[in-house]
Each structure stands twice: as C-alpha cells, then as structure tokens.
Amino acid sequence: MEIKEFDSRAFRNACGTFTTGVTIITSKKEDGTVHGMTANGFISVSLDPPLIAVSIGNNQKMLETIKNSGVYGVSILKDDHLEHCNHFAGKHNPDLVVDFVEYDDVPVLPNALAHFVTKVHSSHLAGDHTLYIGEVLDFYSEEDGNPILFHRGQFRELK
C-alpha cells in the first residue's frame, strides 16, 4: 500500500458532500453582549440525559465565550434566515437587527426551526476543534418551515 501525502483540501471537499442543516451557536460574553456564529457541526448525543454537541474551531472567539459562560444556545435555521446565516458566518450586515430571545439567560434566535439551551456538560479537544457537549435545559421546535442546508460549501434551500 502506497502512502500518499494527505490532501486537507480534498478531505474538506469530501466531507462537504455530506449535507447538513445550519445552526447559529450563541452565548454571552463577560460584558453581557451576545456572540453568535454560524456552524454546521451539531449533533444530538443522548436522550437520557438529553445531550447535544457542537464543534468549534480552536481559533474561534466562540470557544472562549462558551468556556467563560458555561452555557450556549443552538438555533436551527429556517430558509428565511439566510441573511442571519451569512451575518454570523462573517459577512456582517450592519443594517441587520437581531433581536435574540433568552431562556435561562441564554440567547437564541427567535423563529428558528428549533432551538436548544444548554449548560456545558464537558468539552473535548479534537485536533483543530473542540467539541462542547451540552446538557439541554430547554428546547423549542416549530411545526412548520424548511431548513437552510449546507452542501459542498454552499448554503442551499430544500426543494
């Protein structure tokens, strides 16, 4: 068996063929302001106790924000949240007004398909990312709406 040089870009592209939903992860900074980031690294982990996990790059500001606050929210985005999706992915729109709602002092995006409020259960360093496993304190799920999808590096709509 011939050992090839690992191609990180090709690996990322291969992983990008797996279609995911899109979330906004939120938490409060020490000064009380809300910090949010768009992410697709989200999974359910356990029903008993109810646990979810998010994957956050070790160079992201969100990593320190969650570490300091001990809590985070996850909002699963609807197809009418594309502007929010881009805003929290780094394409800031200064005209976008985001009115978060709070549950147990944890901010989440209103009108999301679902949102989860968690306290950090554990964290695990995994290469260039950290997995934050959160114990779900509260959640909400909409009956209607379609998700934003992420596939091959692009946001897409369910059709």
C-alpha atoms as a PDB file:
ATOM      1  CA  MET A   1       0.000   0.000   0.000  1.00  0.00           C
ATOM      2  CA  GLU A   2       1.419   3.334  -1.065  1.00  0.00           C
ATOM      3  CA  ILE A   3       1.213   6.152   1.478  1.00  0.00           C
ATOM      4  CA  LYS A   4       0.106   9.401  -0.141  1.00  0.00           C
ATOM      5  CA  GLU A   5       0.566  12.890   1.206  1.00  0.00           C
ATOM      6  CA  PHE A   6      -2.640  13.905   2.970  1.00  0.00           C
ATOM      7  CA  ASP A   7      -4.611  16.499   0.997  1.00  0.00           C
ATOM      8  CA  SER A   8      -6.501  18.639   3.537  1.00  0.00           C
ATOM      9  CA  ARG A   9      -8.480  20.474   0.842  1.00  0.00           C
ATOM     10  CA  ALA A  10      -9.630  17.230  -0.786  1.00  0.00           C
ATOM     11  CA  PHE A  11     -10.595  15.888   2.655  1.00  0.00           C
ATOM     12  CA  ARG A  12     -12.636  19.028   3.380  1.00  0.00           C
ATOM     13  CA  ASN A  13     -14.333  18.750  -0.027  1.00  0.00           C
ATOM     14  CA  ALA A  14     -15.161  15.085   0.599  1.00  0.00           C
ATOM     15  CA  CYS A  15     -16.691  15.948   3.987  1.00  0.00           C
ATOM     16  CA  GLY A  16     -18.649  18.730   2.266  1.00  0.00           C
ATOM     17  CA  THR A  17     -20.592  16.174   0.249  1.00  0.00           C
ATOM     18  CA  PHE A  18     -22.463  15.331   3.460  1.00  0.00           C
ATOM     19  CA  THR A  19     -25.457  17.689   3.537  1.00  0.00           C
ATOM     20  CA  THR A  20     -26.191  19.247   6.925  1.00  0.00           C
ATOM     21  CA  GLY A  21     -28.528  21.747   8.453  1.00  0.00           C
ATOM     22  CA  VAL A  22     -27.214  25.123   9.571  1.00  0.00           C
ATOM     23  CA  THR A  23     -27.207  26.489  13.104  1.00  0.00           C
ATOM     24  CA  ILE A  24     -26.305  29.653  14.911  1.00  0.00           C
ATOM     25  CA  ILE A  25     -24.479  28.992  18.160  1.00  0.00           C
ATOM     26  CA  THR A  26     -24.899  31.752  20.740  1.00  0.00           C
ATOM     27  CA  SER A  27     -23.529  32.642  24.139  1.00  0.00           C
ATOM     28  CA  LYS A  28     -22.906  35.776  26.169  1.00  0.00           C
ATOM     29  CA  LYS A  29     -19.545  37.432  26.579  1.00  0.00           C
ATOM     30  CA  GLU A  30     -18.389  38.567  30.019  1.00  0.00           C
ATOM     31  CA  ASP A  31     -19.722  42.091  29.298  1.00  0.00           C
ATOM     32  CA  GLY A  32     -23.200  40.652  28.606  1.00  0.00           C
ATOM     33  CA  THR A  33     -23.183  41.134  24.832  1.00  0.00           C
ATOM     34  CA  VAL A  34     -24.334  38.248  22.678  1.00  0.00           C
ATOM     35  CA  HIS A  35     -21.784  36.483  20.488  1.00  0.00           C
ATOM     36  CA  GLY A  36     -23.016  34.240  17.689  1.00  0.00           C
ATOM     37  CA  MET A  37     -21.510  32.132  14.946  1.00  0.00           C
ATOM     38  CA  THR A  38     -22.895  30.103  12.064  1.00  0.00           C
ATOM     39  CA  ALA A  39     -21.999  26.418  12.303  1.00  0.00           C
ATOM     40  CA  ASN A  40     -22.980  23.077  10.830  1.00  0.00           C
ATOM     41  CA  GLY A  41     -21.075  20.931  13.350  1.00  0.00           C
ATOM     42  CA  PHE A  42     -24.069  19.946  15.516  1.00  0.00           C
ATOM     43  CA  ILE A  43     -25.303  16.527  16.664  1.00  0.00           C
ATOM     44  CA  SER A  44     -27.675  15.018  19.174  1.00  0.00           C
ATOM     45  CA  VAL A  45     -25.694  12.846  21.586  1.00  0.00           C
ATOM     46  CA  SER A  46     -28.053  11.334  24.166  1.00  0.00           C
ATOM     47  CA  LEU A  47     -31.714  11.235  25.147  1.00  0.00           C
ATOM     48  CA  ASP A  48     -31.086  10.355  28.800  1.00  0.00           C
ATOM     49  CA  PRO A  49     -29.711  12.698  29.877  1.00  0.00           C
ATOM     50  CA  PRO A  50     -30.561  14.994  26.951  1.00  0.00           C
ATOM     51  CA  LEU A  51     -27.216  15.992  25.418  1.00  0.00           C
ATOM     52  CA  ILE A  52     -26.178  17.757  22.206  1.00  0.00           C
ATOM     53  CA  ALA A  53     -22.735  18.654  20.884  1.00  0.00           C
ATOM     54  CA  VAL A  54     -21.253  21.435  18.795  1.00  0.00           C
ATOM     55  CA  SER A  55     -17.850  21.504  17.125  1.00  0.00           C
ATOM     56  CA  ILE A  56     -15.987  24.809  17.315  1.00  0.00           C
ATOM     57  CA  GLY A  57     -12.658  25.680  15.720  1.00  0.00           C
ATOM     58  CA  ASN A  58      -9.939  26.321  18.277  1.00  0.00           C
ATOM     59  CA  ASN A  59      -9.236  29.710  16.682  1.00  0.00           C
ATOM     60  CA  GLN A  60     -12.842  30.916  17.031  1.00  0.00           C
ATOM     61  CA  LYS A  61     -13.870  33.593  19.560  1.00  0.00           C
ATOM     62  CA  MET A  62     -16.873  31.437  20.437  1.00  0.00           C
ATOM     63  CA  LEU A  63     -14.597  28.865  22.057  1.00  0.00           C
ATOM     64  CA  GLU A  64     -13.544  31.269  24.807  1.00  0.00           C
ATOM     65  CA  THR A  65     -17.055  32.740  25.103  1.00  0.00           C
ATOM     66  CA  ILE A  66     -18.580  29.331  25.890  1.00  0.00           C
ATOM     67  CA  LYS A  67     -15.679  28.402  28.157  1.00  0.00           C
ATOM     68  CA  ASN A  68     -16.244  31.558  30.232  1.00  0.00           C
ATOM     69  CA  SER A  69     -20.053  31.473  30.311  1.00  0.00           C
ATOM     70  CA  GLY A  70     -20.528  27.714  30.754  1.00  0.00           C
ATOM     71  CA  VAL A  71     -23.680  27.833  28.610  1.00  0.00           C
ATOM     72  CA  TYR A  72     -24.645  28.058  24.952  1.00  0.00           C
ATOM     73  CA  GLY A  73     -27.679  28.101  22.703  1.00  0.00           C
ATOM     74  CA  VAL A  74     -28.179  26.435  19.336  1.00  0.00           C
ATOM     75  CA  SER A  75     -30.755  27.721  16.836  1.00  0.00           C
ATOM     76  CA  ILE A  76     -31.539  25.563  13.791  1.00  0.00           C
ATOM     77  CA  LEU A  77     -32.137  27.947  10.904  1.00  0.00           C
ATOM     78  CA  LYS A  78     -35.123  28.189   8.580  1.00  0.00           C
ATOM     79  CA  ASP A  79     -34.826  29.045   4.909  1.00  0.00           C
ATOM     80  CA  ASP A  80     -35.889  32.635   5.666  1.00  0.00           C
ATOM     81  CA  HIS A  81     -32.826  33.092   7.932  1.00  0.00           C
ATOM     82  CA  LEU A  82     -30.281  33.250   5.095  1.00  0.00           C
ATOM     83  CA  GLU A  83     -29.352  36.840   5.990  1.00  0.00           C
ATOM     84  CA  HIS A  84     -28.701  35.782   9.607  1.00  0.00           C
ATOM     85  CA  CYS A  85     -26.755  32.784   8.365  1.00  0.00           C
ATOM     86  CA  ASN A  86     -24.404  34.974   6.317  1.00  0.00           C
ATOM     87  CA  HIS A  87     -24.130  37.632   9.033  1.00  0.00           C
ATOM     88  CA  PHE A  88     -22.931  35.172  11.675  1.00  0.00           C
ATOM     89  CA  ALA A  89     -20.674  33.435   9.144  1.00  0.00           C
ATOM     90  CA  GLY A  90     -18.583  36.617   8.926  1.00  0.00           C
ATOM     91  CA  LYS A  91     -20.388  38.551   6.183  1.00  0.00           C
ATOM     92  CA  HIS A  92     -21.561  41.192   8.650  1.00  0.00           C
ATOM     93  CA  ASN A  93     -24.547  43.287   7.670  1.00  0.00           C
ATOM     94  CA  PRO A  94     -24.566  46.482   9.772  1.00  0.00           C
ATOM     95  CA  ASP A  95     -28.245  47.018   8.897  1.00  0.00           C
ATOM     96  CA  LEU A  96     -29.367  43.635  10.238  1.00  0.00           C
ATOM     97  CA  VAL A  97     -31.111  43.947  13.583  1.00  0.00           C
ATOM     98  CA  VAL A  98     -31.060  40.705  15.560  1.00  0.00           C
ATOM     99  CA  ASP A  99     -33.442  40.537  18.494  1.00  0.00           C
ATOM    100  CA  PHE A 100     -32.446  37.471  20.449  1.00  0.00           C
ATOM    101  CA  VAL A 101     -34.779  35.872  22.966  1.00  0.00           C
ATOM    102  CA  GLU A 102     -33.373  34.429  26.168  1.00  0.00           C
ATOM    103  CA  TYR A 103     -34.161  31.312  28.122  1.00  0.00           C
ATOM    104  CA  ASP A 104     -32.318  30.836  31.410  1.00  0.00           C
ATOM    105  CA  ASP A 105     -30.185  33.850  30.382  1.00  0.00           C
ATOM    106  CA  VAL A 106     -29.021  32.032  27.219  1.00  0.00           C
ATOM    107  CA  PRO A 107     -29.692  33.859  23.916  1.00  0.00           C
ATOM    108  CA  VAL A 108     -31.251  32.073  20.936  1.00  0.00           C
ATOM    109  CA  LEU A 109     -32.631  33.253  17.609  1.00  0.00           C
ATOM    110  CA  PRO A 110     -36.419  33.683  17.570  1.00  0.00           C
ATOM    111  CA  ASN A 111     -38.464  31.941  14.877  1.00  0.00           C
ATOM    112  CA  ALA A 112     -35.853  29.231  14.324  1.00  0.00           C
ATOM    113  CA  LEU A 113     -36.961  25.729  13.331  1.00  0.00           C
ATOM    114  CA  ALA A 114     -35.751  24.665  16.762  1.00  0.00           C
ATOM    115  CA  HIS A 115     -33.538  25.966  19.496  1.00  0.00           C
ATOM    116  CA  PHE A 116     -31.740  24.361  22.406  1.00  0.00           C
ATOM    117  CA  VAL A 117     -30.481  25.963  25.615  1.00  0.00           C
ATOM    118  CA  THR A 118     -27.638  24.093  27.276  1.00  0.00           C
ATOM    119  CA  LYS A 119     -25.124  24.159  30.076  1.00  0.00           C
ATOM    120  CA  VAL A 120     -21.713  22.738  29.293  1.00  0.00           C
ATOM    121  CA  HIS A 121     -21.547  19.088  30.325  1.00  0.00           C
ATOM    122  CA  SER A 122     -17.997  18.507  29.039  1.00  0.00           C
ATOM    123  CA  SER A 123     -15.516  19.623  26.416  1.00  0.00           C
ATOM    124  CA  HIS A 124     -13.113  17.554  24.357  1.00  0.00           C
ATOM    125  CA  LEU A 125     -10.145  18.742  22.329  1.00  0.00           C
ATOM    126  CA  ALA A 126     -10.322  17.087  18.902  1.00  0.00           C
ATOM    127  CA  GLY A 127      -7.488  18.233  16.641  1.00  0.00           C
ATOM    128  CA  ASP A 128      -8.083  21.800  15.488  1.00  0.00           C
ATOM    129  CA  HIS A 129     -11.595  21.849  17.015  1.00  0.00           C
ATOM    130  CA  THR A 130     -13.169  21.466  20.440  1.00  0.00           C
ATOM    131  CA  LEU A 131     -16.388  19.529  20.978  1.00  0.00           C
ATOM    132  CA  TYR A 132     -18.674  21.103  23.559  1.00  0.00           C
ATOM    133  CA  ILE A 133     -21.237  18.643  24.861  1.00  0.00           C
ATOM    134  CA  GLY A 134     -24.175  20.479  26.368  1.00  0.00           C
ATOM    135  CA  GLU A 135     -26.879  19.253  28.711  1.00  0.00           C
ATOM    136  CA  VAL A 136     -30.190  20.504  27.323  1.00  0.00           C
ATOM    137  CA  LEU A 137     -32.023  22.697  29.839  1.00  0.00           C
ATOM    138  CA  ASP A 138     -34.779  23.839  27.491  1.00  0.00           C
ATOM    139  CA  PHE A 139     -35.755  23.452  23.844  1.00  0.00           C
ATOM    140  CA  TYR A 140     -38.389  24.507  21.349  1.00  0.00           C
ATOM    141  CA  SER A 141     -39.380  23.126  17.958  1.00  0.00           C
ATOM    142  CA  GLU A 142     -41.535  24.717  15.213  1.00  0.00           C
ATOM    143  CA  GLU A 143     -44.137  22.652  13.410  1.00  0.00           C
ATOM    144  CA  ASP A 144     -43.679  24.451  10.070  1.00  0.00           C
ATOM    145  CA  GLY A 145     -40.820  25.694   7.939  1.00  0.00           C
ATOM    146  CA  ASN A 146     -37.956  24.366   5.865  1.00  0.00           C
ATOM    147  CA  PRO A 147     -34.287  24.315   6.853  1.00  0.00           C
ATOM    148  CA  ILE A 148     -31.304  26.030   5.296  1.00  0.00           C
ATOM    149  CA  LEU A 149     -28.929  23.330   4.111  1.00  0.00           C
ATOM    150  CA  PHE A 150     -25.154  23.329   3.702  1.00  0.00           C
ATOM    151  CA  HIS A 151     -23.699  21.234   0.884  1.00  0.00           C
ATOM    152  CA  ARG A 152     -20.337  21.469  -0.915  1.00  0.00           C
ATOM    153  CA  GLY A 153     -19.524  24.780   0.759  1.00  0.00           C
ATOM    154  CA  GLN A 154     -22.800  26.475  -0.222  1.00  0.00           C
ATOM    155  CA  PHE A 155     -25.986  27.371   1.619  1.00  0.00           C
ATOM    156  CA  ARG A 156     -28.973  25.807  -0.113  1.00  0.00           C
ATOM    157  CA  GLU A 157     -32.737  25.509   0.273  1.00  0.00           C
ATOM    158  CA  LEU A 158     -34.822  22.353   0.473  1.00  0.00           C
ATOM    159  CA  LYS A 159     -36.816  21.980  -2.745  1.00  0.00           C
END
